[in-house]
Amino acid sequence: MRKNKGFFALSNVVLVIVSLLAVIPFWLLIMASFTSEASAVKDGYRLIPKEFSISAYSFLMSKIGLFGRGYLITIAATVIGVVAGILITMAFSYMISRPGLPLRGFFNFFVVFTMLFNGGLVATYIIYTQVFHIKNTLFAYIVPSLLTNAFYIMMVRNYMTSSIPGELYESAKLDGASEFTIFFKIVFPLCKPIIATVGLMVAVAYWNDWQNGMYYIDDQNLYGIQNILNAISSSSKFLMAGGNTSSVPTETARMAAAVLAILPILIVYPFFQDYFVKGITLGAVKG
């Protein structure tokens, strides 16, 4: 018992330290966004602002057209991408989870193969821009790379295999249910934890994505929130267009923009936490 108590005490100390290491950067980011520009330049960023100021947020509100448009584009891409991604992932996973599927082994191999190899960035860029013509469109944020991936498919397949008994499929078949009926009225309701898990992963991937915008978007009017943040981080001149450059809080505005970018995910995550843990646990069971 003494050894166990010592182990638990050490574990708690380690977990507290790890938690602090995870929380402190966010706290520092938030406090930096509420620091005056002069203090940030002179004294650096502190856990408690030396000079409290909301000038960075006031400046960003003056650019509400830029950030509002960026938010709308990112929200639209995230919502459409999550819905489409869940449907594609669920459908493919359901297909390869059924033992009677012809060529089931080939399709499983096909999924695993994509985890190891891809066509490369140049070939992918040429296909998407020259064949599918998605450059400077909303589809540039939705289609490339993020709709689904092999990890999501294998995780959902394992969940279906381990959590939904085969007898349930047989019973539905005896009652005359079609594959579509089984899929939408039986499998979908029973897969809520894994759907929430995959949906959250896909949503975070879409919300945080800036690479698709960098590759396929060169019109600043079509920038999503992450591309705006990337442009601000790369060059403070991005915020100076059409204004007095001496009054632009470039350092603190970057921090405030980062806070606004991560805020929606921080708000949404707690509502999916229980589903997320359950989905990850059951989806990791070997099928």
Protein backbone atom coordinates (compact mmCIF):
# COMPACT_ATOMS: atom_id res chain seq x y z
CA MET A 1 0.00 0.00 0.00
CA ARG A 2 2.86 2.37 0.78
CA LYS A 3 4.40 1.66 -2.60
CA ASN A 4 1.04 2.23 -4.26
CA LYS A 5 0.53 5.48 -2.36
CA GLY A 6 3.97 6.66 -3.44
CA PHE A 7 3.21 5.72 -7.05
CA PHE A 8 -0.15 7.51 -7.00
CA ALA A 9 1.41 10.59 -5.43
CA LEU A 10 4.15 10.66 -8.08
CA SER A 11 1.59 10.10 -10.81
CA ASN A 12 -0.49 13.03 -9.55
CA VAL A 13 2.56 15.27 -9.46
CA VAL A 14 3.52 14.29 -13.01
CA LEU A 15 -0.04 14.83 -14.25
CA VAL A 16 -0.21 18.27 -12.60
CA ILE A 17 3.09 19.25 -14.24
CA VAL A 18 1.95 17.99 -17.64
CA SER A 19 -1.38 19.79 -17.24
CA LEU A 20 0.39 23.03 -16.39
CA LEU A 21 2.68 22.64 -19.40
CA ALA A 22 -0.44 22.30 -21.56
CA VAL A 23 -2.40 25.17 -19.97
CA ILE A 24 0.34 27.77 -19.46
CA PRO A 25 0.96 28.40 -23.21
CA PHE A 26 -2.76 29.09 -23.71
CA TRP A 27 -2.82 31.36 -20.68
CA LEU A 28 0.28 33.19 -21.92
CA LEU A 29 -1.32 33.60 -25.35
CA ILE A 30 -4.51 35.05 -23.84
CA MET A 31 -2.64 37.40 -21.50
CA ALA A 32 -0.40 38.55 -24.34
CA SER A 33 -3.48 39.51 -26.34
CA PHE A 34 -4.59 41.74 -23.44
CA THR A 35 -1.21 43.45 -23.14
CA SER A 36 -0.54 46.91 -24.52
CA GLU A 37 1.64 47.00 -27.62
CA ALA A 38 4.29 49.17 -25.95
CA SER A 39 4.55 46.83 -22.97
CA ALA A 40 4.73 43.74 -25.19
CA VAL A 41 7.58 45.23 -27.21
CA LYS A 42 9.46 46.56 -24.17
CA ASP A 43 8.86 43.88 -21.52
CA GLY A 44 7.82 40.84 -23.55
CA TYR A 45 4.90 38.58 -22.76
CA ARG A 46 4.02 37.84 -19.14
CA LEU A 47 1.63 35.54 -17.30
CA ILE A 48 0.07 38.69 -15.82
CA PRO A 49 0.04 41.73 -18.14
CA LYS A 50 2.15 44.61 -16.92
CA GLU A 51 -0.08 47.02 -18.83
CA PHE A 52 -3.58 45.71 -19.48
CA SER A 53 -5.11 46.77 -22.78
CA ILE A 54 -7.84 45.69 -25.21
CA SER A 55 -6.36 47.68 -28.09
CA ALA A 56 -5.55 44.50 -30.03
CA TYR A 57 -9.18 43.36 -29.93
CA SER A 58 -10.40 46.87 -30.73
CA PHE A 59 -8.14 46.90 -33.77
CA LEU A 60 -9.37 43.46 -34.90
CA MET A 61 -12.96 44.64 -34.51
CA SER A 62 -12.12 47.50 -36.88
CA LYS A 63 -11.22 44.74 -39.37
CA ILE A 64 -14.52 42.95 -38.82
CA GLY A 65 -15.09 42.59 -42.55
CA LEU A 66 -11.83 40.68 -43.00
CA PHE A 67 -12.23 38.44 -39.95
CA GLY A 68 -15.98 38.00 -40.34
CA ARG A 69 -15.54 36.79 -43.90
CA GLY A 70 -12.70 34.50 -42.82
CA TYR A 71 -14.86 33.01 -40.06
CA LEU A 72 -17.78 32.41 -42.42
CA ILE A 73 -15.53 30.68 -44.97
CA THR A 74 -13.93 28.48 -42.31
CA ILE A 75 -17.29 27.64 -40.69
CA ALA A 76 -18.80 26.73 -44.07
CA ALA A 77 -15.83 24.53 -44.98
CA THR A 78 -15.87 22.87 -41.55
CA VAL A 79 -19.60 22.12 -41.51
CA ILE A 80 -19.70 20.78 -45.07
CA GLY A 81 -16.46 18.86 -44.57
CA VAL A 82 -17.60 17.24 -41.32
CA VAL A 83 -20.95 16.10 -42.75
CA ALA A 84 -19.40 14.78 -45.96
CA GLY A 85 -16.44 13.26 -44.12
CA ILE A 86 -18.62 11.37 -41.65
CA LEU A 87 -20.84 10.00 -44.42
CA ILE A 88 -17.87 8.85 -46.52
CA THR A 89 -16.01 7.36 -43.55
CA MET A 90 -19.08 5.59 -42.17
CA ALA A 91 -20.11 4.19 -45.55
CA PHE A 92 -16.66 2.82 -46.39
CA SER A 93 -16.15 1.47 -42.87
CA TYR A 94 -19.54 -0.24 -42.92
CA MET A 95 -18.69 -1.84 -46.25
CA ILE A 96 -15.37 -3.34 -45.12
CA SER A 97 -16.78 -4.37 -41.73
CA ARG A 98 -19.23 -6.81 -43.34
CA PRO A 99 -17.65 -10.30 -43.53
CA GLY A 100 -19.60 -11.32 -46.65
CA LEU A 101 -18.33 -8.47 -48.83
CA PRO A 102 -16.64 -9.66 -52.05
CA LEU A 103 -13.00 -8.47 -52.28
CA ARG A 104 -13.14 -7.35 -48.64
CA GLY A 105 -9.46 -8.18 -48.22
CA PHE A 106 -8.53 -6.02 -51.22
CA PHE A 107 -10.44 -3.01 -49.90
CA ASN A 108 -8.82 -3.38 -46.47
CA PHE A 109 -5.42 -3.54 -48.14
CA PHE A 110 -6.32 -0.49 -50.24
CA VAL A 111 -7.07 1.49 -47.06
CA VAL A 112 -3.86 0.43 -45.32
CA PHE A 113 -1.84 1.14 -48.48
CA THR A 114 -2.91 4.79 -48.43
CA MET A 115 -1.47 5.10 -44.91
CA LEU A 116 1.97 4.29 -46.29
CA PHE A 117 2.02 5.90 -49.75
CA ASN A 118 0.46 8.87 -51.53
CA GLY A 119 0.74 10.51 -54.92
CA GLY A 120 2.93 13.38 -53.72
CA LEU A 121 2.21 17.09 -53.44
CA VAL A 122 3.02 18.07 -57.04
CA ALA A 123 0.84 15.38 -58.60
CA THR A 124 -1.97 16.13 -56.15
CA TYR A 125 -1.78 19.86 -56.88
CA ILE A 126 -1.87 19.31 -60.65
CA ILE A 127 -4.88 16.98 -60.43
CA TYR A 128 -6.89 19.26 -58.17
CA THR A 129 -6.14 22.44 -60.13
CA GLN A 130 -5.96 21.18 -63.72
CA VAL A 131 -8.53 18.36 -63.62
CA PHE A 132 -10.99 19.32 -60.87
CA HIS A 133 -10.41 23.12 -61.09
CA ILE A 134 -10.89 23.78 -57.37
CA LYS A 135 -8.39 26.64 -57.18
CA ASN A 136 -9.89 29.75 -55.52
CA THR A 137 -13.15 27.98 -54.66
CA LEU A 138 -14.67 26.76 -51.40
CA PHE A 139 -13.97 23.18 -52.52
CA ALA A 140 -10.26 23.93 -52.16
CA TYR A 141 -10.81 23.99 -48.39
CA ILE A 142 -13.03 20.90 -48.34
CA VAL A 143 -11.79 18.26 -50.77
CA PRO A 144 -7.98 17.89 -50.58
CA SER A 145 -6.61 15.65 -47.81
CA LEU A 146 -9.24 16.26 -45.12
CA LEU A 147 -12.50 14.53 -46.13
CA THR A 148 -11.37 11.24 -44.66
CA ASN A 149 -8.26 9.17 -44.08
CA ALA A 150 -7.30 5.58 -43.45
CA PHE A 151 -6.98 6.06 -39.68
CA TYR A 152 -10.60 7.20 -39.34
CA ILE A 153 -11.83 4.34 -41.54
CA MET A 154 -9.95 1.66 -39.61
CA MET A 155 -11.05 3.10 -36.27
CA VAL A 156 -14.74 3.15 -37.31
CA ARG A 157 -14.47 -0.33 -38.83
CA ASN A 158 -13.01 -1.70 -35.60
CA TYR A 159 -15.80 -0.01 -33.62
CA MET A 160 -18.47 -1.57 -35.82
CA THR A 161 -16.82 -5.00 -35.68
CA SER A 162 -16.40 -5.02 -31.90
CA SER A 163 -19.54 -3.17 -30.79
CA ILE A 164 -22.33 -4.24 -33.16
CA PRO A 165 -23.18 -7.98 -32.97
CA GLY A 166 -23.55 -9.84 -36.25
CA GLU A 167 -26.86 -11.26 -35.09
CA LEU A 168 -28.33 -7.77 -35.28
CA TYR A 169 -27.59 -7.62 -39.01
CA GLU A 170 -29.06 -11.09 -39.53
CA SER A 171 -32.21 -10.19 -37.61
CA ALA A 172 -32.66 -7.02 -39.68
CA LYS A 173 -32.18 -9.01 -42.89
CA LEU A 174 -34.84 -11.52 -41.81
CA ASP A 175 -37.23 -8.62 -41.26
CA GLY A 176 -36.64 -7.50 -44.84
CA ALA A 177 -34.37 -4.53 -44.15
CA SER A 178 -32.16 -3.38 -47.01
CA GLU A 179 -28.50 -2.44 -46.59
CA PHE A 180 -29.43 1.25 -46.63
CA THR A 181 -32.03 0.69 -43.90
CA ILE A 182 -29.54 -1.23 -41.77
CA PHE A 183 -26.89 1.42 -42.32
CA PHE A 184 -28.98 4.49 -41.52
CA LYS A 185 -31.46 3.12 -38.95
CA ILE A 186 -29.34 0.58 -37.06
CA VAL A 187 -25.63 1.25 -37.58
CA PHE A 188 -25.75 5.04 -37.38
CA PRO A 189 -27.65 5.21 -34.04
CA LEU A 190 -25.36 2.57 -32.50
CA CYS A 191 -22.23 4.42 -33.65
CA LYS A 192 -22.90 7.76 -31.95
CA PRO A 193 -19.68 7.68 -29.86
CA ILE A 194 -17.41 6.95 -32.81
CA ILE A 195 -19.32 9.41 -35.02
CA ALA A 196 -18.79 12.13 -32.41
CA THR A 197 -15.12 11.17 -32.15
CA VAL A 198 -14.49 11.22 -35.89
CA GLY A 199 -16.63 14.32 -36.31
CA LEU A 200 -14.59 16.18 -33.71
CA MET A 201 -11.30 15.08 -35.29
CA VAL A 202 -12.46 16.11 -38.75
CA ALA A 203 -13.81 19.42 -37.43
CA VAL A 204 -10.52 20.25 -35.70
CA ALA A 205 -8.59 19.31 -38.85
CA TYR A 206 -10.76 21.58 -41.00
CA TRP A 207 -10.76 24.43 -38.51
CA ASN A 208 -6.97 24.37 -38.06
CA ASP A 209 -6.14 23.77 -41.72
CA TRP A 210 -4.11 26.44 -43.46
CA GLN A 211 -2.20 24.33 -45.98
CA ASN A 212 -5.08 23.93 -48.45
CA GLY A 213 -5.58 27.68 -48.41
CA MET A 214 -1.88 28.26 -48.95
CA TYR A 215 -1.73 25.80 -51.86
CA TYR A 216 -5.01 26.48 -53.62
CA ILE A 217 -6.12 30.01 -52.63
CA ASP A 218 -4.33 33.15 -53.81
CA ASP A 219 -7.30 35.53 -53.53
CA GLN A 220 -7.17 37.25 -50.13
CA ASN A 221 -10.95 37.75 -50.23
CA LEU A 222 -11.28 33.95 -49.96
CA TYR A 223 -8.92 33.52 -47.02
CA GLY A 224 -10.21 31.41 -44.14
CA ILE A 225 -9.47 32.38 -40.55
CA GLN A 226 -6.32 30.24 -40.36
CA ASN A 227 -4.95 31.71 -43.59
CA ILE A 228 -5.61 35.19 -42.25
CA LEU A 229 -3.73 34.25 -39.08
CA ASN A 230 -0.92 32.77 -41.15
CA ALA A 231 -0.73 35.93 -43.24
CA ILE A 232 -0.59 38.05 -40.07
CA SER A 233 2.16 35.86 -38.61
CA SER A 234 4.14 35.95 -41.85
CA SER A 235 3.88 39.70 -42.39
CA SER A 236 2.45 42.43 -40.20
CA LYS A 237 1.88 44.47 -43.37
CA PHE A 238 -1.20 42.30 -43.98
CA LEU A 239 -2.97 44.20 -41.20
CA MET A 240 -1.65 47.62 -42.22
CA ALA A 241 -3.51 47.88 -45.52
CA GLY A 242 -5.66 50.99 -45.63
CA GLY A 243 -4.70 52.27 -42.17
CA ASN A 244 -2.16 54.22 -40.16
CA THR A 245 0.78 51.87 -39.76
CA SER A 246 1.99 53.59 -36.59
CA SER A 247 -1.25 52.72 -34.75
CA VAL A 248 -1.32 49.04 -35.64
CA PRO A 249 -0.65 46.78 -32.59
CA THR A 250 1.16 44.19 -34.70
CA GLU A 251 2.49 41.95 -31.91
CA THR A 252 -0.58 41.82 -29.70
CA ALA A 253 -2.92 41.70 -32.71
CA ARG A 254 -1.30 38.42 -33.73
CA MET A 255 -1.99 37.00 -30.30
CA ALA A 256 -5.57 38.27 -30.28
CA ALA A 257 -6.15 36.78 -33.73
CA ALA A 258 -4.81 33.44 -32.49
CA VAL A 259 -7.18 33.55 -29.50
CA LEU A 260 -10.14 34.21 -31.77
CA ALA A 261 -9.05 31.35 -34.02
CA ILE A 262 -8.85 28.70 -31.28
CA LEU A 263 -11.84 29.90 -29.22
CA PRO A 264 -14.57 27.94 -31.09
CA ILE A 265 -12.75 24.61 -30.69
CA LEU A 266 -12.18 25.26 -26.97
CA ILE A 267 -15.91 25.93 -26.57
CA VAL A 268 -17.09 22.91 -28.56
CA TYR A 269 -14.70 20.25 -27.24
CA PRO A 270 -16.16 19.81 -23.69
CA PHE A 271 -19.56 18.88 -25.15
CA PHE A 272 -18.00 15.97 -27.07
CA GLN A 273 -15.48 14.85 -24.46
CA ASP A 274 -17.44 11.85 -23.15
CA TYR A 275 -18.22 10.58 -26.65
CA PHE A 276 -14.62 11.23 -27.66
CA VAL A 277 -13.13 9.09 -24.89
CA LYS A 278 -15.60 6.24 -25.43
CA GLY A 279 -15.21 6.32 -29.21
CA ILE A 280 -11.41 6.28 -29.08
CA THR A 281 -11.40 3.43 -26.55
CA LEU A 282 -13.80 1.16 -28.45
CA GLY A 283 -12.47 2.17 -31.86
CA ALA A 284 -8.99 1.12 -30.86
CA VAL A 285 -10.10 -2.45 -30.12
CA LYS A 286 -8.63 -4.77 -32.68
CA GLY A 287 -11.34 -6.00 -35.06
